[in-house]
Amino acid sequence: QVSLVESGGGLVQAGDSLRLSCAASGRTFSTYAMGWFRQAPGKEREFVATISRVGTRTYYRDSVKGRFTISRDNAQNTVHLEMSSLKPEDTAVYYCAAAPSRSDFATPSSKYVYDSWGQGTQVTVSS
């Protein structure tokens, strides 16, 4: 497992942009696929985006495609989520997560394969 710390959340208006960051500890960061999930009040935690362990592939939920971009820097042990054209329905606590991966191309979207989670960062989009 790795230790994860998110940052970059905040209160923005609809249409604005925001960049979330996640810093990971440990020397095995490049063996993990990384993902972003979110959880709104009263709702289940849902998949947002994932990136393979060396950044060769990404995968997004349909509602954020074209608006969100996930990236990673294995030299810095960081993963980012660039969010643009934000909508009120994007309001949630956003979590960074790590999934052990044996493939350079795996982009897991199921929360059940992720074994390390950050504490979350709040994103609030006002209309």
Foldseek 3Di string as FASTA:
>chain_A
DKAKAKDWADEEAQQAKTKMKIAIDDLCQLQWKKFKWWDDPPGDIFGAKIAFSVRPDMDGDPVQPPFWDWDDDSVRRMIMIIGGSDDQVVWTWMKMFIAGHPDRYDTDGDPVRTDYIYPTDTHGYHD
